[in-house]
Amino acid sequence: MTSTSSHIGIIADDLTGGAAIGGEIACLGHPVDVVGLGQAPRPGRSIVVETGTRYSPPDVAVERLKKAAEILSQAGTSVTMKKIDSTLKGNVAIELAAFAANCRGRLLIAPACPEVGLTLRDGQQFTPRGPGKNVLELLSSSLDGPLATLKLDTVRQGRQAVTDWLQENPDGTVVADAETDADLATLAAGAAEAGIVSFGGTYGLGAALATAYLRRETRTRYSPPTVPGMLVVAGSASATTAAQLAQLVEAGAEEMVLDMQRILTGGEEEEAQRATALIQSSRAKLLVVHTDAQRTGQEVTAHCRRVGWNERDLADRLAIPFAQAMDTAAGYAIYLIGGETTGAIFDKLGLNSLTIEGECSPAVPFAVTIPRSKWPLILTKPGAFGTKHTLVETAELILGSRESTLHTGQDNHHPSIR
C-alpha cells in the first residue's frame, strides 16, 4: 500500500486527546474535523469522533464506540485509529476489543507515547518513573483471538522488516513495541506496505499514520488571528499543569483560583458569578482560571470517593464557572486544559464540533469551532503534556513580544503580553 489514502478517522474517548491527534494530522496540511456522536462529518476530511466514554459504564462505552465506527464507515475513512489514553486510563481494553470487532482487517496497537516518555518493550509499558502497565495482560482478557507481539528489535531493523514480520505472522491482533517517534514512523510505514488500515494508540501515532498514508499538502501554514486577550481554563490535577500555571502567573497572568470547597458543596453558580466579575473588571490580556489542584487534590479526591463521583462528574460541576468565564471572555483566545473538563465545558456551552487547523506545540492544536463562535481561537491540551514553559510560550506566541516559531513551521510576531 502506498501513501495515497484520502483521509483518516479517529475514535477518541475524550476531547483533548482526540484533538491532539487531529493536530498531528493537520500539520501535514490536512485540516481535521472533531465531532461528537450526534454530528455528521463533512465529506472528504480526516475526522475525530469523540465518544466521551473515558468514565462511562463498559456497556455504554461499547455502544458509543460502535456508533463512532459507523460514522467513520459512512464517512469513507480509509484508515482508522482508536485513540487511547497514554497512561491507559478508562475503558481501554473494552474499547479496543469493540474497535477490533468493528474495524477493517487486523488491528495493530502501538501505545507508546514518546512525547511524555511512555515507551513499550515486550508488551510492557515503561514510564519516566519506572514500569507501568503490562499491555498484553491488560488486553488478553478482552480481545478475541491471539495477541502477537511485534518486538522492538524487529522494528529497529526498518520498514521492510516490519512488513515482512506482519506478512509472516498474519493472525491475531498485534501489540507493537516502540520507544521513539522514529519507531512509530517505522511501524506505520511497514504496516502500510502490509495492507493494515486499523490502529490503536495515542499521541505520536497520528503523525506516523499521516506520514505513511496521506499525501503532504502544500497550503499556507495556519497563523493564529489577532485577539485582545487569552483566557486559560485549567481543570487538570496533573503536576505538569500545576508547574505550567505557576510559570504563567509568574510571567504576569492574572489568576482566579476557584473555591473548591464551595463547588463541592453546591456553590458552582456563586463561583461562576465571581469569575464573571473578575474578567469584567480585569484589564489584563492574559487571564487564568484554575482549581489549584495540587493544593486541593486530596480534599477533592476524598469528597469524590465519599459521594461516588468520577472525574467526569467533578468536571460537570467545574464546567459551570469555567463556561461562565469563557462566555464573559468573548473574542479572546481560549486555552482549555484537561480532557474531562474540556468535554464538560463544551457540553455546557453547546459547542459540538471543531476544525483543527494546525499545531501550536506538541498535543496543543489550533482550532476553530463549527460553526464559528464568539471565540476566534480554541487551544486544547491534555493535562500531562508539555514542559513547565508551555503555557508561557503559547502566550508569547498569541500575545507576546518575541518572534516565535510555530510547531507548524511558521514564524509570527505579536505585541507584549504585559
Protein backbone atom coordinates (compact mmCIF):
# COMPACT_ATOMS: atom_id res chain seq x y z
CA MET A 1 0.00 0.00 0.00
CA THR A 2 1.29 3.48 -0.86
CA SER A 3 0.60 6.83 0.80
CA THR A 4 -2.47 7.72 -1.24
CA SER A 5 -5.39 7.27 1.19
CA SER A 6 -7.72 10.25 1.25
CA HIS A 7 -8.37 10.66 4.96
CA ILE A 8 -8.01 9.15 8.44
CA GLY A 9 -10.73 8.53 11.02
CA ILE A 10 -10.02 8.54 14.76
CA ILE A 11 -12.25 7.47 17.64
CA ALA A 12 -11.30 9.17 20.92
CA ASP A 13 -12.76 8.78 24.40
CA ASP A 14 -12.03 12.38 25.37
CA LEU A 15 -11.88 15.68 23.51
CA THR A 16 -8.36 16.94 24.19
CA GLY A 17 -6.75 13.62 23.32
CA GLY A 18 -8.67 13.36 20.07
CA ALA A 19 -7.91 16.97 19.18
CA ALA A 20 -4.21 16.32 19.82
CA ILE A 21 -4.20 13.56 17.19
CA GLY A 22 -6.03 15.93 14.86
CA GLY A 23 -3.25 18.47 15.32
CA GLU A 24 -0.65 15.94 14.25
CA ILE A 25 -2.52 15.27 11.02
CA ALA A 26 -3.27 18.94 10.34
CA CYS A 27 0.46 19.70 10.43
CA LEU A 28 0.76 17.84 7.12
CA GLY A 29 -1.72 20.19 5.50
CA HIS A 30 -4.93 18.25 6.21
CA PRO A 31 -7.44 20.16 8.41
CA VAL A 32 -9.27 17.75 10.72
CA ASP A 33 -12.85 17.97 11.99
CA VAL A 34 -13.62 16.90 15.56
CA VAL A 35 -17.26 15.88 16.02
CA GLY A 36 -19.45 14.20 18.60
CA LEU A 37 -21.68 11.21 18.05
CA GLY A 38 -24.62 13.41 17.06
CA GLN A 39 -22.87 15.32 14.26
CA ALA A 40 -22.50 14.27 10.66
CA PRO A 41 -18.91 14.74 9.44
CA ARG A 42 -18.12 16.76 6.35
CA PRO A 43 -17.12 14.55 3.42
CA GLY A 44 -13.52 14.27 2.27
CA ARG A 45 -11.96 15.25 5.60
CA SER A 46 -9.95 13.42 8.20
CA ILE A 47 -12.14 13.32 11.28
CA VAL A 48 -12.06 12.64 15.01
CA VAL A 49 -15.22 11.26 16.60
CA GLU A 50 -15.26 11.99 20.33
CA THR A 51 -17.30 9.50 22.39
CA GLY A 52 -16.85 10.92 25.90
CA THR A 53 -16.53 7.38 27.29
CA ARG A 54 -13.42 7.62 29.49
CA TYR A 55 -15.55 7.05 32.61
CA SER A 56 -18.70 5.55 31.11
CA PRO A 57 -20.01 2.12 32.16
CA PRO A 58 -18.47 -0.54 29.91
CA ASP A 59 -21.70 -1.36 28.07
CA VAL A 60 -22.29 2.33 27.31
CA ALA A 61 -18.70 2.69 26.09
CA VAL A 62 -19.11 -0.24 23.70
CA GLU A 63 -22.35 1.08 22.24
CA ARG A 64 -20.89 4.54 21.70
CA LEU A 65 -17.80 3.08 20.08
CA LYS A 66 -19.97 1.11 17.65
CA LYS A 67 -21.81 4.32 16.72
CA ALA A 68 -18.49 6.09 16.20
CA ALA A 69 -17.27 3.24 13.98
CA GLU A 70 -20.44 3.58 11.89
CA ILE A 71 -19.76 7.30 11.45
CA LEU A 72 -16.24 6.57 10.21
CA SER A 73 -17.57 3.91 7.85
CA GLN A 74 -20.24 6.24 6.44
CA ALA A 75 -17.62 8.97 6.01
CA GLY A 76 -15.50 6.60 3.94
CA THR A 77 -12.34 6.93 6.02
CA SER A 78 -9.52 4.87 4.56
CA VAL A 79 -7.51 4.38 7.76
CA THR A 80 -8.94 4.22 11.26
CA MET A 81 -7.42 4.62 14.71
CA LYS A 82 -8.73 4.09 18.22
CA LYS A 83 -7.08 6.75 20.34
CA ILE A 84 -6.39 5.58 23.90
CA ASP A 85 -5.17 7.41 26.98
CA SER A 86 -1.38 7.47 27.14
CA THR A 87 -1.45 6.21 30.73
CA LEU A 88 -4.13 3.61 29.85
CA LYS A 89 -6.91 5.17 31.94
CA GLY A 90 -10.54 4.40 31.20
CA ASN A 91 -12.15 1.55 29.27
CA VAL A 92 -9.01 0.87 27.23
CA ALA A 93 -9.24 -2.92 26.86
CA ILE A 94 -13.02 -2.98 26.38
CA GLU A 95 -13.00 -0.23 23.76
CA LEU A 96 -10.07 -1.72 21.86
CA ALA A 97 -11.90 -5.06 21.77
CA ALA A 98 -15.03 -3.38 20.43
CA PHE A 99 -12.93 -1.47 17.91
CA ALA A 100 -11.24 -4.68 16.78
CA ALA A 101 -14.67 -6.20 16.18
CA ASN A 102 -15.79 -3.21 14.09
CA CYS A 103 -12.68 -2.22 12.13
CA ARG A 104 -11.37 -3.49 8.80
CA GLY A 105 -8.80 -6.26 8.90
CA ARG A 106 -6.45 -6.90 11.78
CA LEU A 107 -5.66 -4.32 14.42
CA LEU A 108 -2.15 -3.06 15.22
CA ILE A 109 -1.85 -1.41 18.64
CA ALA A 110 1.17 0.83 19.31
CA PRO A 111 0.53 2.54 22.68
CA ALA A 112 3.92 4.22 23.16
CA CYS A 113 3.86 8.00 23.66
CA PRO A 114 7.45 9.25 23.35
CA GLU A 115 6.40 12.87 23.87
CA VAL A 116 5.71 12.18 27.58
CA GLY A 117 8.32 9.44 28.00
CA LEU A 118 5.97 6.45 27.76
CA THR A 119 7.50 3.52 25.90
CA LEU A 120 6.64 -0.12 25.22
CA ARG A 121 9.03 -3.06 25.25
CA ASP A 122 7.95 -6.72 25.13
CA GLY A 123 4.38 -5.54 25.64
CA GLN A 124 5.27 -3.80 28.93
CA GLN A 125 4.76 -0.07 29.32
CA PHE A 126 7.55 1.95 30.88
CA THR A 127 7.11 5.45 32.31
CA PRO A 128 9.74 8.03 33.38
CA ARG A 129 9.21 6.70 36.93
CA GLY A 130 9.61 3.01 36.07
CA PRO A 131 7.47 0.09 34.81
CA GLY A 132 3.84 0.85 34.06
CA LYS A 133 1.05 -1.48 32.99
CA ASN A 134 1.56 -4.67 31.04
CA VAL A 135 -0.43 -4.02 27.88
CA LEU A 136 -0.56 -7.69 26.89
CA GLU A 137 -2.11 -8.62 30.24
CA LEU A 138 -4.50 -5.69 30.07
CA LEU A 139 -5.80 -6.72 26.65
CA SER A 140 -5.71 -10.50 26.88
CA SER A 141 -8.98 -10.85 28.80
CA SER A 142 -10.98 -8.62 26.43
CA LEU A 143 -9.70 -9.23 22.90
CA ASP A 144 -10.87 -12.28 20.97
CA GLY A 145 -8.24 -14.36 19.23
CA PRO A 146 -4.47 -14.42 19.66
CA LEU A 147 -2.28 -11.49 20.63
CA ALA A 148 1.05 -11.20 18.82
CA THR A 149 3.95 -9.03 19.94
CA LEU A 150 5.96 -7.15 17.32
CA LYS A 151 9.17 -6.62 19.25
CA LEU A 152 11.47 -3.65 19.22
CA ASP A 153 14.43 -5.47 17.68
CA THR A 154 12.32 -6.15 14.58
CA VAL A 155 11.07 -2.55 14.46
CA ARG A 156 14.65 -1.28 14.64
CA GLN A 157 15.53 -3.31 11.54
CA GLY A 158 13.36 -0.95 9.49
CA ARG A 159 10.17 -0.68 7.47
CA GLN A 160 10.73 -3.76 5.34
CA ALA A 161 11.39 -5.91 8.40
CA VAL A 162 8.07 -4.76 9.89
CA THR A 163 6.24 -5.52 6.64
CA ASP A 164 7.85 -8.95 6.41
CA TRP A 165 7.01 -9.79 10.03
CA LEU A 166 3.35 -8.79 9.58
CA GLN A 167 3.05 -10.89 6.45
CA GLU A 168 4.78 -13.87 8.07
CA ASN A 169 2.57 -13.58 11.19
CA PRO A 170 -0.89 -12.96 9.69
CA ASP A 171 -3.09 -13.95 12.64
CA GLY A 172 -4.36 -12.00 15.63
CA THR A 173 -4.15 -8.51 16.99
CA VAL A 174 -0.64 -7.05 17.07
CA VAL A 175 0.84 -5.17 20.04
CA ALA A 176 3.89 -3.32 18.76
CA ASP A 177 6.87 -2.15 20.78
CA ALA A 178 8.19 1.39 20.31
CA GLU A 179 10.34 3.85 22.22
CA THR A 180 10.70 6.80 19.84
CA ASP A 181 8.72 8.71 17.23
CA ALA A 182 11.03 7.13 14.65
CA ASP A 183 9.89 3.70 15.86
CA LEU A 184 6.25 4.72 15.41
CA ALA A 185 7.01 6.02 11.93
CA THR A 186 8.68 2.73 11.02
CA LEU A 187 5.68 0.78 12.32
CA ALA A 188 3.20 2.87 10.33
CA ALA A 189 5.25 2.66 7.13
CA GLY A 190 5.69 -1.10 7.44
CA ALA A 191 2.03 -1.62 8.27
CA ALA A 192 1.00 0.43 5.24
CA GLU A 193 3.03 -1.83 2.97
CA ALA A 194 1.44 -4.87 4.64
CA GLY A 195 -2.07 -3.54 3.97
CA ILE A 196 -3.04 -2.81 7.57
CA VAL A 197 -5.51 0.07 7.95
CA SER A 198 -6.67 -0.22 11.60
CA PHE A 199 -4.66 1.00 14.58
CA GLY A 200 -4.78 1.69 18.29
CA GLY A 201 -2.53 4.15 20.04
CA THR A 202 -2.02 7.62 21.44
CA TYR A 203 -0.29 10.91 20.62
CA GLY A 204 2.64 10.32 18.28
CA LEU A 205 0.93 7.62 16.25
CA GLY A 206 -1.22 10.23 14.48
CA ALA A 207 1.79 11.88 12.86
CA ALA A 208 3.18 8.48 11.86
CA LEU A 209 -0.09 7.46 10.20
CA ALA A 210 -0.47 10.79 8.44
CA THR A 211 3.05 10.49 7.01
CA ALA A 212 2.52 6.89 5.90
CA TYR A 213 -0.99 7.16 4.45
CA LEU A 214 -1.62 10.78 3.40
CA ARG A 215 -0.06 12.96 0.76
CA ARG A 216 1.61 16.04 2.18
CA GLU A 217 -0.44 19.02 1.02
CA THR A 218 1.10 22.35 0.12
CA ARG A 219 -1.01 25.07 1.68
CA THR A 220 -0.43 28.26 3.62
CA ARG A 221 0.53 27.49 7.18
CA TYR A 222 -2.09 28.44 9.74
CA SER A 223 -1.44 31.72 11.51
CA PRO A 224 -3.49 32.48 14.64
CA PRO A 225 -5.75 35.54 14.49
CA THR A 226 -5.09 38.76 16.35
CA VAL A 227 -7.03 38.69 19.63
CA PRO A 228 -7.45 41.17 22.51
CA GLY A 229 -6.51 38.57 25.12
CA MET A 230 -6.22 34.93 26.10
CA LEU A 231 -8.08 33.01 28.79
CA VAL A 232 -6.54 29.80 30.16
CA VAL A 233 -9.00 27.40 31.81
CA ALA A 234 -7.39 24.52 33.71
CA GLY A 235 -9.19 21.70 35.47
CA SER A 236 -6.35 19.19 35.31
CA ALA A 237 -4.82 17.80 38.50
CA SER A 238 -1.56 16.98 36.72
CA ALA A 239 1.66 18.14 38.36
CA THR A 240 2.77 19.18 34.86
CA THR A 241 -0.19 21.54 34.58
CA ALA A 242 0.46 22.96 38.06
CA ALA A 243 4.04 23.83 37.08
CA GLN A 244 2.84 25.40 33.83
CA LEU A 245 0.28 27.55 35.65
CA ALA A 246 2.88 28.74 38.17
CA GLN A 247 5.13 29.87 35.32
CA LEU A 248 2.21 31.63 33.64
CA VAL A 249 1.32 33.62 36.77
CA GLU A 250 4.96 34.49 37.29
CA ALA A 251 5.01 35.84 33.71
CA GLY A 252 2.19 38.25 34.53
CA ALA A 253 -1.10 36.41 34.10
CA GLU A 254 -3.95 37.48 36.33
CA GLU A 255 -5.37 34.42 38.05
CA MET A 256 -8.60 33.34 39.65
CA VAL A 257 -8.46 30.26 41.85
CA LEU A 258 -11.82 28.56 42.18
CA ASP A 259 -13.07 27.86 45.69
CA MET A 260 -13.26 24.06 45.51
CA GLN A 261 -14.96 23.71 48.90
CA ARG A 262 -17.75 25.96 47.65
CA ILE A 263 -18.08 23.97 44.42
CA LEU A 264 -18.10 20.63 46.23
CA THR A 265 -20.95 21.84 48.43
CA GLY A 266 -23.17 23.24 45.67
CA GLY A 267 -21.77 26.74 45.19
CA GLU A 268 -20.93 26.45 41.49
CA GLU A 269 -23.16 29.38 40.49
CA GLU A 270 -21.55 31.68 43.07
CA GLU A 271 -18.13 30.81 41.67
CA ALA A 272 -19.46 31.47 38.16
CA GLN A 273 -20.56 34.94 39.23
CA ARG A 274 -17.15 35.57 40.78
CA ALA A 275 -15.44 34.54 37.55
CA THR A 276 -17.63 36.93 35.59
CA ALA A 277 -16.84 39.82 37.93
CA LEU A 278 -13.10 39.19 37.73
CA ILE A 279 -12.98 39.07 33.95
CA GLN A 280 -15.24 42.08 33.53
CA SER A 281 -13.12 44.19 35.89
CA SER A 282 -9.72 42.99 34.63
CA ARG A 283 -7.54 44.97 32.25
CA ALA A 284 -5.11 42.07 31.80
CA LYS A 285 -4.70 40.48 28.39
CA LEU A 286 -3.76 37.13 29.94
CA LEU A 287 -6.16 35.53 32.43
CA VAL A 288 -6.15 32.11 34.03
CA VAL A 289 -8.95 30.36 35.93
CA HIS A 290 -7.99 27.14 37.68
CA THR A 291 -8.66 24.85 40.65
CA ASP A 292 -5.28 24.88 42.43
CA ALA A 293 -5.48 21.12 42.11
CA GLN A 294 -2.12 20.44 43.76
CA ARG A 295 -3.31 22.07 46.99
CA THR A 296 -6.93 20.89 46.95
CA GLY A 297 -6.39 17.48 45.36
CA GLN A 298 -6.64 15.31 48.47
CA GLU A 299 -9.78 17.09 49.67
CA VAL A 300 -11.40 16.76 46.24
CA THR A 301 -10.44 13.09 45.91
CA ALA A 302 -11.88 12.30 49.34
CA HIS A 303 -15.14 14.08 48.51
CA CYS A 304 -15.49 12.29 45.17
CA ARG A 305 -14.97 8.91 46.83
CA ARG A 306 -17.48 9.77 49.54
CA VAL A 307 -20.25 10.77 47.12
CA GLY A 308 -19.32 8.37 44.30
CA TRP A 309 -18.20 10.92 41.70
CA ASN A 310 -15.81 10.04 38.90
CA GLU A 311 -13.68 12.60 37.07
CA ARG A 312 -16.46 13.48 34.66
CA ASP A 313 -18.94 14.08 37.50
CA LEU A 314 -16.48 16.54 39.02
CA ALA A 315 -15.84 18.13 35.62
CA ASP A 316 -19.58 18.74 35.18
CA ARG A 317 -19.56 20.87 38.36
CA LEU A 318 -16.40 22.72 37.35
CA ALA A 319 -17.87 23.40 33.92
CA ILE A 320 -20.37 25.86 35.41
CA PRO A 321 -17.84 28.55 36.49
CA PHE A 322 -15.44 27.63 33.69
CA ALA A 323 -18.10 28.03 30.99
CA GLN A 324 -19.22 31.32 32.52
CA ALA A 325 -15.64 32.57 32.41
CA MET A 326 -15.42 31.67 28.73
CA ASP A 327 -18.75 33.29 27.99
CA THR A 328 -17.55 36.51 29.59
CA ALA A 329 -14.28 36.45 27.63
CA ALA A 330 -15.91 36.73 24.20
CA GLY A 331 -13.37 37.49 21.48
CA TYR A 332 -10.47 36.02 23.44
CA ALA A 333 -8.34 33.03 22.50
CA ILE A 334 -9.32 30.19 24.83
CA TYR A 335 -6.82 27.60 26.08
CA LEU A 336 -8.50 24.58 27.71
CA ILE A 337 -6.54 22.05 29.76
CA GLY A 338 -7.80 18.60 30.76
CA GLY A 339 -9.91 16.18 28.75
CA GLU A 340 -12.91 15.71 31.03
CA THR A 341 -13.01 19.40 31.89
CA THR A 342 -12.92 20.42 28.24
CA GLY A 343 -15.65 17.95 27.28
CA ALA A 344 -17.89 19.15 30.10
CA ILE A 345 -17.37 22.81 29.15
CA PHE A 346 -18.24 22.08 25.53
CA ASP A 347 -21.42 20.31 26.64
CA LYS A 348 -22.35 23.23 28.90
CA LEU A 349 -21.84 25.80 26.13
CA GLY A 350 -23.43 23.69 23.40
CA LEU A 351 -20.22 23.55 21.34
CA ASN A 352 -20.39 20.45 19.18
CA SER A 353 -17.59 20.50 16.61
CA LEU A 354 -14.10 21.83 15.94
CA THR A 355 -11.86 22.15 12.94
CA ILE A 356 -8.18 21.60 13.72
CA GLU A 357 -6.03 23.86 11.54
CA GLY A 358 -2.53 23.13 12.84
CA GLU A 359 -0.47 22.52 15.96
CA CYS A 360 0.83 25.19 18.32
CA SER A 361 3.07 22.81 20.30
CA PRO A 362 3.03 19.04 20.84
CA ALA A 363 -0.55 17.89 21.62
CA VAL A 364 -1.84 21.51 21.51
CA PRO A 365 -3.81 22.10 18.30
CA PHE A 366 -5.05 25.36 16.83
CA ALA A 367 -8.82 25.00 16.38
CA VAL A 368 -11.93 26.94 15.47
CA THR A 369 -15.48 25.97 16.37
CA ILE A 370 -18.04 24.78 13.79
CA PRO A 371 -20.00 26.95 13.23
CA ARG A 372 -17.74 29.86 14.07
CA SER A 373 -18.44 31.09 17.59
CA LYS A 374 -17.62 34.11 19.75
CA TRP A 375 -14.10 32.73 20.31
CA PRO A 376 -11.82 33.10 17.28
CA LEU A 377 -9.28 30.55 18.50
CA ILE A 378 -9.52 27.46 20.70
CA LEU A 379 -6.46 25.61 22.01
CA THR A 380 -6.75 22.36 23.97
CA LYS A 381 -4.16 20.33 25.88
CA PRO A 382 -4.17 17.04 27.79
CA GLY A 383 -3.06 17.81 31.34
CA ALA A 384 0.19 15.82 31.43
CA PHE A 385 1.71 17.22 28.21
CA GLY A 386 4.32 19.91 27.76
CA THR A 387 7.18 21.44 29.71
CA LYS A 388 6.74 23.95 32.51
CA HIS A 389 7.20 26.73 29.94
CA THR A 390 4.49 25.52 27.53
CA LEU A 391 1.77 27.98 28.57
CA VAL A 392 4.12 30.96 28.70
CA GLU A 393 5.46 30.14 25.25
CA THR A 394 1.92 29.92 23.88
CA ALA A 395 1.00 33.25 25.47
CA GLU A 396 4.05 34.81 23.86
CA LEU A 397 3.05 33.33 20.54
CA ILE A 398 -0.53 34.62 20.71
CA LEU A 399 0.06 37.89 22.61
CA GLY A 400 3.79 38.19 23.14
CA SER A 401 6.68 40.39 22.22
CA ARG A 402 9.17 38.00 20.65
CA GLU A 403 9.24 36.23 17.32
CA SER A 404 8.19 32.60 17.82
CA THR A 405 8.27 29.56 15.59
CA LEU A 406 5.05 27.53 15.49
CA HIS A 407 5.18 23.76 15.57
CA THR A 408 3.64 24.05 12.09
CA GLY A 409 6.77 25.86 10.94
CA GLN A 410 5.59 29.46 10.51
CA ASP A 411 7.11 32.49 12.23
CA ASN A 412 4.85 35.09 13.87
CA HIS A 413 5.35 38.34 15.77
CA HIS A 414 2.96 39.62 18.44
CA PRO A 415 2.70 42.53 20.89
CA SER A 416 3.71 42.23 24.56
CA ILE A 417 1.55 40.21 26.98
CA ARG A 418 2.20 42.54 29.89
